[in-house]
PDB file of N, CA and C in Angstrom:
ATOM      1  N   MET A   1      24.204 -40.482  30.018  1.00  0.00           N
ATOM      2  CA  MET A   1      24.562 -39.834  31.262  1.00  0.00           C
ATOM      3  C   MET A   1      23.369 -39.875  32.229  1.00  0.00           C
ATOM      4  N   THR A   2      23.619 -40.021  33.493  1.00  0.00           N
ATOM      5  CA  THR A   2      22.616 -40.044  34.546  1.00  0.00           C
ATOM      6  C   THR A   2      22.015 -38.668  34.674  1.00  0.00           C
ATOM      7  N   PRO A   3      20.698 -38.596  34.680  1.00  0.00           N
ATOM      8  CA  PRO A   3      20.068 -37.237  34.875  1.00  0.00           C
ATOM      9  C   PRO A   3      20.515 -36.584  36.191  1.00  0.00           C
ATOM     10  N   LEU A   4      20.636 -35.297  36.161  1.00  0.00           N
ATOM     11  CA  LEU A   4      20.910 -34.501  37.326  1.00  0.00           C
ATOM     12  C   LEU A   4      19.552 -34.269  38.009  1.00  0.00           C
ATOM     13  N   SER A   5      19.417 -34.604  39.256  1.00  0.00           N
ATOM     14  CA  SER A   5      18.150 -34.474  39.928  1.00  0.00           C
ATOM     15  C   SER A   5      18.378 -33.530  41.174  1.00  0.00           C
ATOM     16  N   VAL A   6      17.521 -32.514  41.295  1.00  0.00           N
ATOM     17  CA  VAL A   6      17.582 -31.577  42.400  1.00  0.00           C
ATOM     18  C   VAL A   6      16.204 -31.487  42.992  1.00  0.00           C
ATOM     19  N   ASP A   7      16.094 -31.765  44.315  1.00  0.00           N
ATOM     20  CA  ASP A   7      14.840 -31.618  45.011  1.00  0.00           C
ATOM     21  C   ASP A   7      14.857 -30.285  45.802  1.00  0.00           C
ATOM     22  N   LEU A   8      13.832 -29.505  45.585  1.00  0.00           N
ATOM     23  CA  LEU A   8      13.684 -28.224  46.258  1.00  0.00           C
ATOM     24  C   LEU A   8      12.496 -28.255  47.184  1.00  0.00           C
ATOM     25  N   PRO A   9      12.699 -28.503  48.477  1.00  0.00           N
ATOM     26  CA  PRO A   9      11.586 -28.521  49.401  1.00  0.00           C
ATOM     27  C   PRO A   9      10.956 -27.123  49.539  1.00  0.00           C
ATOM     28  N   HIS A  10       9.648 -27.103  49.817  1.00  0.00           N
ATOM     29  CA  HIS A  10       8.985 -25.840  50.019  1.00  0.00           C
ATOM     30  C   HIS A  10       7.734 -26.081  50.902  1.00  0.00           C
ATOM     31  N   ASN A  11       7.173 -24.996  51.399  1.00  0.00           N
ATOM     32  CA  ASN A  11       5.943 -25.140  52.208  1.00  0.00           C
ATOM     33  C   ASN A  11       4.852 -24.213  51.627  1.00  0.00           C
ATOM     34  N   LEU A  12       4.890 -24.041  50.348  1.00  0.00           N
ATOM     35  CA  LEU A  12       3.937 -23.134  49.671  1.00  0.00           C
ATOM     36  C   LEU A  12       2.669 -23.818  49.223  1.00  0.00           C
ATOM     37  N   GLY A  13       2.696 -25.124  49.112  1.00  0.00           N
ATOM     38  CA  GLY A  13       1.587 -25.849  48.469  1.00  0.00           C
ATOM     39  C   GLY A  13       1.841 -25.938  46.943  1.00  0.00           C
ATOM     40  N   ARG A  14       1.234 -26.893  46.345  1.00  0.00           N
ATOM     41  CA  ARG A  14       1.436 -27.140  44.906  1.00  0.00           C
ATOM     42  C   ARG A  14       1.047 -25.953  44.041  1.00  0.00           C
ATOM     43  N   ALA A  15      -0.105 -25.386  44.285  1.00  0.00           N
ATOM     44  CA  ALA A  15      -0.608 -24.273  43.416  1.00  0.00           C
ATOM     45  C   ALA A  15       0.313 -23.080  43.445  1.00  0.00           C
ATOM     46  N   GLU A  16       0.734 -22.642  44.606  1.00  0.00           N
ATOM     47  CA  GLU A  16       1.579 -21.448  44.743  1.00  0.00           C
ATOM     48  C   GLU A  16       2.963 -21.738  44.164  1.00  0.00           C
ATOM     49  N   ALA A  17       3.513 -22.913  44.398  1.00  0.00           N
ATOM     50  CA  ALA A  17       4.817 -23.247  43.847  1.00  0.00           C
ATOM     51  C   ALA A  17       4.756 -23.260  42.300  1.00  0.00           C
ATOM     52  N   ARG A  18       3.669 -23.819  41.725  1.00  0.00           N
ATOM     53  CA  ARG A  18       3.518 -23.839  40.301  1.00  0.00           C
ATOM     54  C   ARG A  18       3.403 -22.432  39.752  1.00  0.00           C
ATOM     55  N   ARG A  19       2.631 -21.567  40.441  1.00  0.00           N
ATOM     56  CA  ARG A  19       2.459 -20.202  39.986  1.00  0.00           C
ATOM     57  C   ARG A  19       3.809 -19.458  39.962  1.00  0.00           C
ATOM     58  N   ARG A  20       4.592 -19.644  40.955  1.00  0.00           N
ATOM     59  CA  ARG A  20       5.880 -18.958  40.993  1.00  0.00           C
ATOM     60  C   ARG A  20       6.843 -19.481  39.913  1.00  0.00           C
ATOM     61  N   ILE A  21       6.808 -20.765  39.693  1.00  0.00           N
ATOM     62  CA  ILE A  21       7.658 -21.328  38.644  1.00  0.00           C
ATOM     63  C   ILE A  21       7.191 -20.848  37.262  1.00  0.00           C
ATOM     64  N   GLU A  22       5.891 -20.844  37.088  1.00  0.00           N
ATOM     65  CA  GLU A  22       5.304 -20.388  35.791  1.00  0.00           C
ATOM     66  C   GLU A  22       5.701 -18.904  35.555  1.00  0.00           C
ATOM     67  N   ASN A  23       5.636 -18.097  36.588  1.00  0.00           N
ATOM     68  CA  ASN A  23       6.004 -16.686  36.444  1.00  0.00           C
ATOM     69  C   ASN A  23       7.498 -16.498  36.223  1.00  0.00           C
ATOM     70  N   GLY A  24       8.322 -17.401  36.763  1.00  0.00           N
ATOM     71  CA  GLY A  24       9.769 -17.240  36.610  1.00  0.00           C
ATOM     72  C   GLY A  24      10.334 -17.862  35.325  1.00  0.00           C
ATOM     73  N   THR A  25       9.605 -18.686  34.667  1.00  0.00           N
ATOM     74  CA  THR A  25      10.061 -19.376  33.492  1.00  0.00           C
ATOM     75  C   THR A  25      10.445 -18.360  32.359  1.00  0.00           C
ATOM     76  N   GLY A  26       9.692 -17.322  32.244  1.00  0.00           N
ATOM     77  CA  GLY A  26       9.976 -16.309  31.188  1.00  0.00           C
ATOM     78  C   GLY A  26      11.317 -15.644  31.351  1.00  0.00           C
ATOM     79  N   SER A  27      11.803 -15.573  32.575  1.00  0.00           N
ATOM     80  CA  SER A  27      13.114 -14.880  32.788  1.00  0.00           C
ATOM     81  C   SER A  27      14.298 -15.855  32.724  1.00  0.00           C
ATOM     82  N   LEU A  28      14.063 -17.096  32.445  1.00  0.00           N
ATOM     83  CA  LEU A  28      15.112 -18.115  32.435  1.00  0.00           C
ATOM     84  C   LEU A  28      16.229 -17.721  31.444  1.00  0.00           C
ATOM     85  N   GLY A  29      15.819 -17.244  30.263  1.00  0.00           N
ATOM     86  CA  GLY A  29      16.840 -16.869  29.282  1.00  0.00           C
ATOM     87  C   GLY A  29      17.830 -15.811  29.718  1.00  0.00           C
ATOM     88  N   ARG A  30      17.434 -14.994  30.629  1.00  0.00           N
ATOM     89  CA  ARG A  30      18.366 -13.929  31.151  1.00  0.00           C
ATOM     90  C   ARG A  30      19.508 -14.510  31.954  1.00  0.00           C
ATOM     91  N   HIS A  31      19.299 -15.720  32.430  1.00  0.00           N
ATOM     92  CA  HIS A  31      20.330 -16.366  33.286  1.00  0.00           C
ATOM     93  C   HIS A  31      21.196 -17.319  32.483  1.00  0.00           C
ATOM     94  N   LEU A  32      21.018 -17.357  31.183  1.00  0.00           N
ATOM     95  CA  LEU A  32      21.777 -18.282  30.349  1.00  0.00           C
ATOM     96  C   LEU A  32      22.708 -17.450  29.436  1.00  0.00           C
ATOM     97  N   PRO A  33      23.745 -18.074  28.908  1.00  0.00           N
ATOM     98  CA  PRO A  33      24.632 -17.358  27.987  1.00  0.00           C
ATOM     99  C   PRO A  33      23.871 -16.844  26.716  1.00  0.00           C
ATOM    100  N   ALA A  34      24.453 -15.801  26.133  1.00  0.00           N
ATOM    101  CA  ALA A  34      23.841 -15.236  24.939  1.00  0.00           C
ATOM    102  C   ALA A  34      23.701 -16.307  23.851  1.00  0.00           C
ATOM    103  N   GLY A  35      22.617 -16.233  23.145  1.00  0.00           N
ATOM    104  CA  GLY A  35      22.356 -17.176  22.049  1.00  0.00           C
ATOM    105  C   GLY A  35      21.586 -18.388  22.487  1.00  0.00           C
ATOM    106  N   ALA A  36      21.369 -18.617  23.795  1.00  0.00           N
ATOM    107  CA  ALA A  36      20.605 -19.749  24.250  1.00  0.00           C
ATOM    108  C   ALA A  36      19.124 -19.527  23.992  1.00  0.00           C
ATOM    109  N   THR A  37      18.449 -20.588  23.559  1.00  0.00           N
ATOM    110  CA  THR A  37      17.006 -20.486  23.349  1.00  0.00           C
ATOM    111  C   THR A  37      16.289 -21.440  24.289  1.00  0.00           C
ATOM    112  N   VAL A  38      15.118 -21.059  24.759  1.00  0.00           N
ATOM    113  CA  VAL A  38      14.363 -21.868  25.733  1.00  0.00           C
ATOM    114  C   VAL A  38      12.969 -22.110  25.170  1.00  0.00           C
ATOM    115  N   GLN A  39      12.547 -23.367  25.230  1.00  0.00           N
ATOM    116  CA  GLN A  39      11.145 -23.726  24.932  1.00  0.00           C
ATOM    117  C   GLN A  39      10.596 -24.409  26.153  1.00  0.00           C
ATOM    118  N   SER A  40       9.339 -24.117  26.455  1.00  0.00           N
ATOM    119  CA  SER A  40       8.717 -24.705  27.610  1.00  0.00           C
ATOM    120  C   SER A  40       7.263 -25.068  27.356  1.00  0.00           C
ATOM    121  N   ALA A  41       6.796 -26.109  28.039  1.00  0.00           N
ATOM    122  CA  ALA A  41       5.376 -26.481  27.897  1.00  0.00           C
ATOM    123  C   ALA A  41       4.954 -27.195  29.203  1.00  0.00           C
ATOM    124  N   TRP A  42       3.803 -26.754  29.711  1.00  0.00           N
ATOM    125  CA  TRP A  42       3.215 -27.357  30.893  1.00  0.00           C
ATOM    126  C   TRP A  42       2.290 -28.521  30.510  1.00  0.00           C
ATOM    127  N   SER A  43       2.287 -29.576  31.312  1.00  0.00           N
ATOM    128  CA  SER A  43       1.327 -30.649  31.219  1.00  0.00           C
ATOM    129  C   SER A  43       0.927 -30.968  32.634  1.00  0.00           C
ATOM    130  N   GLY A  44      -0.172 -30.462  33.067  1.00  0.00           N
ATOM    131  CA  GLY A  44      -0.625 -30.566  34.486  1.00  0.00           C
ATOM    132  C   GLY A  44       0.404 -29.800  35.356  1.00  0.00           C
ATOM    133  N   ASP A  45       0.992 -30.461  36.290  1.00  0.00           N
ATOM    134  CA  ASP A  45       1.969 -29.845  37.209  1.00  0.00           C
ATOM    135  C   ASP A  45       3.395 -30.186  36.815  1.00  0.00           C
ATOM    136  N   ARG A  46       3.592 -30.558  35.549  1.00  0.00           N
ATOM    137  CA  ARG A  46       4.929 -30.858  35.053  1.00  0.00           C
ATOM    138  C   ARG A  46       5.294 -29.865  33.958  1.00  0.00           C
ATOM    139  N   LEU A  47       6.472 -29.254  34.128  1.00  0.00           N
ATOM    140  CA  LEU A  47       6.978 -28.337  33.087  1.00  0.00           C
ATOM    141  C   LEU A  47       8.129 -29.011  32.359  1.00  0.00           C
ATOM    142  N   ASP A  48       7.994 -29.164  31.056  1.00  0.00           N
ATOM    143  CA  ASP A  48       9.060 -29.694  30.250  1.00  0.00           C
ATOM    144  C   ASP A  48       9.806 -28.549  29.581  1.00  0.00           C
ATOM    145  N   LEU A  49      11.106 -28.557  29.707  1.00  0.00           N
ATOM    146  CA  LEU A  49      11.962 -27.501  29.139  1.00  0.00           C
ATOM    147  C   LEU A  49      12.973 -28.090  28.178  1.00  0.00           C
ATOM    148  N   SER A  50      13.244 -27.320  27.122  1.00  0.00           N
ATOM    149  CA  SER A  50      14.301 -27.621  26.200  1.00  0.00           C
ATOM    150  C   SER A  50      15.152 -26.372  26.051  1.00  0.00           C
ATOM    151  N   VAL A  51      16.427 -26.485  26.290  1.00  0.00           N
ATOM    152  CA  VAL A  51      17.352 -25.364  26.169  1.00  0.00           C
ATOM    153  C   VAL A  51      18.397 -25.687  25.140  1.00  0.00           C
ATOM    154  N   ALA A  52      18.491 -24.883  24.103  1.00  0.00           N
ATOM    155  CA  ALA A  52      19.544 -25.024  23.116  1.00  0.00           C
ATOM    156  C   ALA A  52      20.654 -24.112  23.526  1.00  0.00           C
ATOM    157  N   LEU A  53      21.858 -24.678  23.760  1.00  0.00           N
ATOM    158  CA  LEU A  53      22.953 -23.897  24.373  1.00  0.00           C
ATOM    159  C   LEU A  53      24.278 -24.457  23.845  1.00  0.00           C
ATOM    160  N   MET A  54      25.077 -23.591  23.313  1.00  0.00           N
ATOM    161  CA  MET A  54      26.445 -23.958  22.861  1.00  0.00           C
ATOM    162  C   MET A  54      26.399 -25.145  21.919  1.00  0.00           C
ATOM    163  N   GLY A  55      25.409 -25.182  21.006  1.00  0.00           N
ATOM    164  CA  GLY A  55      25.293 -26.264  20.060  1.00  0.00           C
ATOM    165  C   GLY A  55      24.777 -27.557  20.670  1.00  0.00           C
ATOM    166  N   GLN A  56      24.299 -27.530  21.884  1.00  0.00           N
ATOM    167  CA  GLN A  56      23.800 -28.674  22.582  1.00  0.00           C
ATOM    168  C   GLN A  56      22.337 -28.492  22.944  1.00  0.00           C
ATOM    169  N   ASP A  57      21.616 -29.573  23.062  1.00  0.00           N
ATOM    170  CA  ASP A  57      20.237 -29.538  23.477  1.00  0.00           C
ATOM    171  C   ASP A  57      20.144 -30.128  24.886  1.00  0.00           C
ATOM    172  N   VAL A  58      19.659 -29.336  25.819  1.00  0.00           N
ATOM    173  CA  VAL A  58      19.542 -29.771  27.254  1.00  0.00           C
ATOM    174  C   VAL A  58      18.058 -29.880  27.527  1.00  0.00           C
ATOM    175  N   ARG A  59      17.620 -31.042  27.996  1.00  0.00           N
ATOM    176  CA  ARG A  59      16.215 -31.284  28.338  1.00  0.00           C
ATOM    177  C   ARG A  59      16.066 -31.334  29.858  1.00  0.00           C
ATOM    178  N   ALA A  60      14.982 -30.747  30.307  1.00  0.00           N
ATOM    179  CA  ALA A  60      14.728 -30.746  31.781  1.00  0.00           C
ATOM    180  C   ALA A  60      13.243 -30.933  31.991  1.00  0.00           C
ATOM    181  N   ALA A  61      12.911 -31.433  33.179  1.00  0.00           N
ATOM    182  CA  ALA A  61      11.555 -31.599  33.632  1.00  0.00           C
ATOM    183  C   ALA A  61      11.455 -31.052  35.027  1.00  0.00           C
ATOM    184  N   VAL A  62      10.409 -30.314  35.315  1.00  0.00           N
ATOM    185  CA  VAL A  62      10.184 -29.721  36.646  1.00  0.00           C
ATOM    186  C   VAL A  62       8.826 -30.296  37.117  1.00  0.00           C
ATOM    187  N   ASP A  63       8.884 -31.147  38.120  1.00  0.00           N
ATOM    188  CA  ASP A  63       7.638 -31.705  38.694  1.00  0.00           C
ATOM    189  C   ASP A  63       7.307 -30.987  39.970  1.00  0.00           C
ATOM    190  N   VAL A  64       6.116 -30.342  39.988  1.00  0.00           N
ATOM    191  CA  VAL A  64       5.702 -29.562  41.153  1.00  0.00           C
ATOM    192  C   VAL A  64       4.788 -30.466  42.004  1.00  0.00           C
ATOM    193  N   GLN A  65       5.208 -30.673  43.235  1.00  0.00           N
ATOM    194  CA  GLN A  65       4.424 -31.440  44.190  1.00  0.00           C
ATOM    195  C   GLN A  65       4.094 -30.603  45.400  1.00  0.00           C
ATOM    196  N   GLU A  66       3.298 -31.098  46.275  1.00  0.00           N
ATOM    197  CA  GLU A  66       2.793 -30.322  47.403  1.00  0.00           C
ATOM    198  C   GLU A  66       3.896 -29.757  48.315  1.00  0.00           C
ATOM    199  N   THR A  67       4.993 -30.493  48.536  1.00  0.00           N
ATOM    200  CA  THR A  67       6.015 -30.039  49.454  1.00  0.00           C
ATOM    201  C   THR A  67       7.425 -30.035  48.851  1.00  0.00           C
ATOM    202  N   VAL A  68       7.518 -30.412  47.586  1.00  0.00           N
ATOM    203  CA  VAL A  68       8.835 -30.424  46.915  1.00  0.00           C
ATOM    204  C   VAL A  68       8.684 -30.177  45.421  1.00  0.00           C
ATOM    205  N   VAL A  69       9.641 -29.537  44.855  1.00  0.00           N
ATOM    206  CA  VAL A  69       9.762 -29.430  43.423  1.00  0.00           C
ATOM    207  C   VAL A  69      10.958 -30.205  43.015  1.00  0.00           C
ATOM    208  N   ARG A  70      10.795 -31.160  42.102  1.00  0.00           N
ATOM    209  CA  ARG A  70      11.932 -31.971  41.606  1.00  0.00           C
ATOM    210  C   ARG A  70      12.290 -31.494  40.232  1.00  0.00           C
ATOM    211  N   VAL A  71      13.542 -31.165  40.069  1.00  0.00           N
ATOM    212  CA  VAL A  71      14.083 -30.754  38.761  1.00  0.00           C
ATOM    213  C   VAL A  71      14.992 -31.827  38.265  1.00  0.00           C
ATOM    214  N   GLU A  72      14.720 -32.357  37.094  1.00  0.00           N
ATOM    215  CA  GLU A  72      15.602 -33.355  36.500  1.00  0.00           C
ATOM    216  C   GLU A  72      16.109 -32.825  35.175  1.00  0.00           C
ATOM    217  N   ILE A  73      17.425 -32.841  35.008  1.00  0.00           N
ATOM    218  CA  ILE A  73      18.057 -32.302  33.831  1.00  0.00           C
ATOM    219  C   ILE A  73      18.941 -33.417  33.172  1.00  0.00           C
ATOM    220  N   VAL A  74      18.765 -33.605  31.902  1.00  0.00           N
ATOM    221  CA  VAL A  74      19.600 -34.533  31.160  1.00  0.00           C
ATOM    222  C   VAL A  74      20.635 -33.715  30.384  1.00  0.00           C
ATOM    223  N   LEU A  75      21.854 -33.789  30.816  1.00  0.00           N
ATOM    224  CA  LEU A  75      22.948 -33.058  30.141  1.00  0.00           C
ATOM    225  C   LEU A  75      23.598 -33.945  29.077  1.00  0.00           C
ATOM    226  N   PRO A  76      23.841 -33.410  27.932  1.00  0.00           N
ATOM    227  CA  PRO A  76      24.607 -34.161  26.911  1.00  0.00           C
ATOM    228  C   PRO A  76      26.058 -34.295  27.451  1.00  0.00           C
ATOM    229  N   PRO A  77      26.770 -35.349  27.031  1.00  0.00           N
ATOM    230  CA  PRO A  77      28.102 -35.562  27.518  1.00  0.00           C
ATOM    231  C   PRO A  77      29.041 -34.330  27.394  1.00  0.00           C
ATOM    232  N   ALA A  78      28.882 -33.557  26.348  1.00  0.00           N
ATOM    233  CA  ALA A  78      29.731 -32.396  26.118  1.00  0.00           C
ATOM    234  C   ALA A  78      29.543 -31.348  27.204  1.00  0.00           C
ATOM    235  N   LEU A  79      28.455 -31.377  27.943  1.00  0.00           N
ATOM    236  CA  LEU A  79      28.218 -30.403  28.990  1.00  0.00           C
ATOM    237  C   LEU A  79      28.373 -30.988  30.376  1.00  0.00           C
ATOM    238  N   GLY A  80      28.792 -32.220  30.440  1.00  0.00           N
ATOM    239  CA  GLY A  80      28.936 -32.861  31.746  1.00  0.00           C
ATOM    240  C   GLY A  80      29.863 -32.163  32.700  1.00  0.00           C
ATOM    241  N   PHE A  81      30.865 -31.474  32.132  1.00  0.00           N
ATOM    242  CA  PHE A  81      31.843 -30.715  32.933  1.00  0.00           C
ATOM    243  C   PHE A  81      31.128 -29.639  33.746  1.00  0.00           C
ATOM    244  N   PHE A  82      30.033 -29.098  33.237  1.00  0.00           N
ATOM    245  CA  PHE A  82      29.332 -28.013  33.878  1.00  0.00           C
ATOM    246  C   PHE A  82      28.293 -28.501  34.883  1.00  0.00           C
ATOM    247  N   ARG A  83      28.208 -29.773  35.103  1.00  0.00           N
ATOM    248  CA  ARG A  83      27.197 -30.355  36.006  1.00  0.00           C
ATOM    249  C   ARG A  83      27.178 -29.720  37.407  1.00  0.00           C
ATOM    250  N   PRO A  84      28.322 -29.566  38.080  1.00  0.00           N
ATOM    251  CA  PRO A  84      28.277 -28.933  39.430  1.00  0.00           C
ATOM    252  C   PRO A  84      27.779 -27.492  39.371  1.00  0.00           C
ATOM    253  N   LEU A  85      28.181 -26.753  38.366  1.00  0.00           N
ATOM    254  CA  LEU A  85      27.703 -25.352  38.231  1.00  0.00           C
ATOM    255  C   LEU A  85      26.205 -25.270  37.959  1.00  0.00           C
ATOM    256  N   ILE A  86      25.737 -26.157  37.119  1.00  0.00           N
ATOM    257  CA  ILE A  86      24.320 -26.190  36.792  1.00  0.00           C
ATOM    258  C   ILE A  86      23.510 -26.598  38.043  1.00  0.00           C
ATOM    259  N   GLU A  87      23.991 -27.609  38.763  1.00  0.00           N
ATOM    260  CA  GLU A  87      23.262 -27.999  39.963  1.00  0.00           C
ATOM    261  C   GLU A  87      23.193 -26.891  40.964  1.00  0.00           C
ATOM    262  N   ALA A  88      24.320 -26.166  41.203  1.00  0.00           N
ATOM    263  CA  ALA A  88      24.332 -25.086  42.147  1.00  0.00           C
ATOM    264  C   ALA A  88      23.419 -23.953  41.707  1.00  0.00           C
ATOM    265  N   GLY A  89      23.383 -23.656  40.396  1.00  0.00           N
ATOM    266  CA  GLY A  89      22.521 -22.632  39.890  1.00  0.00           C
ATOM    267  C   GLY A  89      21.041 -22.927  40.037  1.00  0.00           C
ATOM    268  N   VAL A  90      20.693 -24.214  39.734  1.00  0.00           N
ATOM    269  CA  VAL A  90      19.317 -24.662  39.884  1.00  0.00           C
ATOM    270  C   VAL A  90      18.889 -24.588  41.368  1.00  0.00           C
ATOM    271  N   ARG A  91      19.789 -25.048  42.228  1.00  0.00           N
ATOM    272  CA  ARG A  91      19.447 -25.037  43.646  1.00  0.00           C
ATOM    273  C   ARG A  91      19.242 -23.611  44.203  1.00  0.00           C
ATOM    274  N   LYS A  92      20.171 -22.718  43.836  1.00  0.00           N
ATOM    275  CA  LYS A  92      20.103 -21.358  44.326  1.00  0.00           C
ATOM    276  C   LYS A  92      18.876 -20.622  43.746  1.00  0.00           C
ATOM    277  N   GLY A  93      18.697 -20.717  42.449  1.00  0.00           N
ATOM    278  CA  GLY A  93      17.555 -20.034  41.821  1.00  0.00           C
ATOM    279  C   GLY A  93      16.219 -20.603  42.287  1.00  0.00           C
ATOM    280  N   GLY A  94      16.146 -21.926  42.392  1.00  0.00           N
ATOM    281  CA  GLY A  94      14.944 -22.573  42.823  1.00  0.00           C
ATOM    282  C   GLY A  94      14.557 -22.174  44.267  1.00  0.00           C
ATOM    283  N   GLU A  95      15.569 -22.192  45.136  1.00  0.00           N
ATOM    284  CA  GLU A  95      15.314 -21.817  46.531  1.00  0.00           C
ATOM    285  C   GLU A  95      14.864 -20.358  46.633  1.00  0.00           C
ATOM    286  N   GLN A  96      15.419 -19.481  45.854  1.00  0.00           N
ATOM    287  CA  GLN A  96      15.001 -18.080  45.906  1.00  0.00           C
ATOM    288  C   GLN A  96      13.566 -17.941  45.383  1.00  0.00           C
ATOM    289  N   MET A  97      13.216 -18.657  44.351  1.00  0.00           N
ATOM    290  CA  MET A  97      11.908 -18.605  43.775  1.00  0.00           C
ATOM    291  C   MET A  97      10.861 -19.135  44.711  1.00  0.00           C
ATOM    292  N   LEU A  98      11.212 -20.173  45.476  1.00  0.00           N
ATOM    293  CA  LEU A  98      10.246 -20.859  46.344  1.00  0.00           C
ATOM    294  C   LEU A  98      10.306 -20.402  47.800  1.00  0.00           C
ATOM    295  N   GLU A  99      11.139 -19.431  48.078  1.00  0.00           N
ATOM    296  CA  GLU A  99      11.292 -18.924  49.453  1.00  0.00           C
ATOM    297  C   GLU A  99       9.972 -18.361  49.958  1.00  0.00           C
ATOM    298  N   ASP A 100       9.583 -18.731  51.161  1.00  0.00           N
ATOM    299  CA  ASP A 100       8.359 -18.219  51.759  1.00  0.00           C
ATOM    300  C   ASP A 100       8.669 -16.916  52.473  1.00  0.00           C
ATOM    301  N   LYS A 101       8.469 -15.807  51.772  1.00  0.00           N
ATOM    302  CA  LYS A 101       8.851 -14.499  52.281  1.00  0.00           C
ATOM    303  C   LYS A 101       7.905 -14.008  53.359  1.00  0.00           C
ATOM    304  N   SER A 102       6.754 -14.667  53.532  1.00  0.00           N
ATOM    305  CA  SER A 102       5.859 -14.221  54.576  1.00  0.00           C
ATOM    306  C   SER A 102       6.416 -14.472  55.987  1.00  0.00           C
ATOM    307  N   LYS A 103       7.388 -15.373  56.111  1.00  0.00           N
ATOM    308  CA  LYS A 103       7.958 -15.677  57.406  1.00  0.00           C
ATOM    309  C   LYS A 103       9.155 -14.807  57.749  1.00  0.00           C
ATOM    310  N   THR A 104       9.589 -13.951  56.843  1.00  0.00           N
ATOM    311  CA  THR A 104      10.735 -13.089  57.115  1.00  0.00           C
ATOM    312  C   THR A 104      10.337 -11.776  57.679  1.00  0.00           C
ATOM    313  N   ARG A 105       9.066 -11.561  57.833  1.00  0.00           N
ATOM    314  CA  ARG A 105       8.572 -10.253  58.373  1.00  0.00           C
ATOM    315  C   ARG A 105       8.053 -10.435  59.763  1.00  0.00           C
TER     316      ARG A 105
END
């Protein structure tokens, strides 16, 4: 299956975007169905994730760049039906995490 790729533009700079993602990774499990397990590891500005969910293993990579965060998710065929929901969730959650709140005041 073709990886699902979502680009999340931001104007925070690489370091701040990485910090926000790093802080938000711990709460990822709260947004997943009961029984899901999450493993994560950073390598430079790349976060590799593995999510065990509904008997399936979902792998993802989050590449933090200066003006964009690219999320790539490889869904097993059994979860392909959920692709639009997963993409929408990643986009919404990522945009909220990377929102520059200093401009709303």
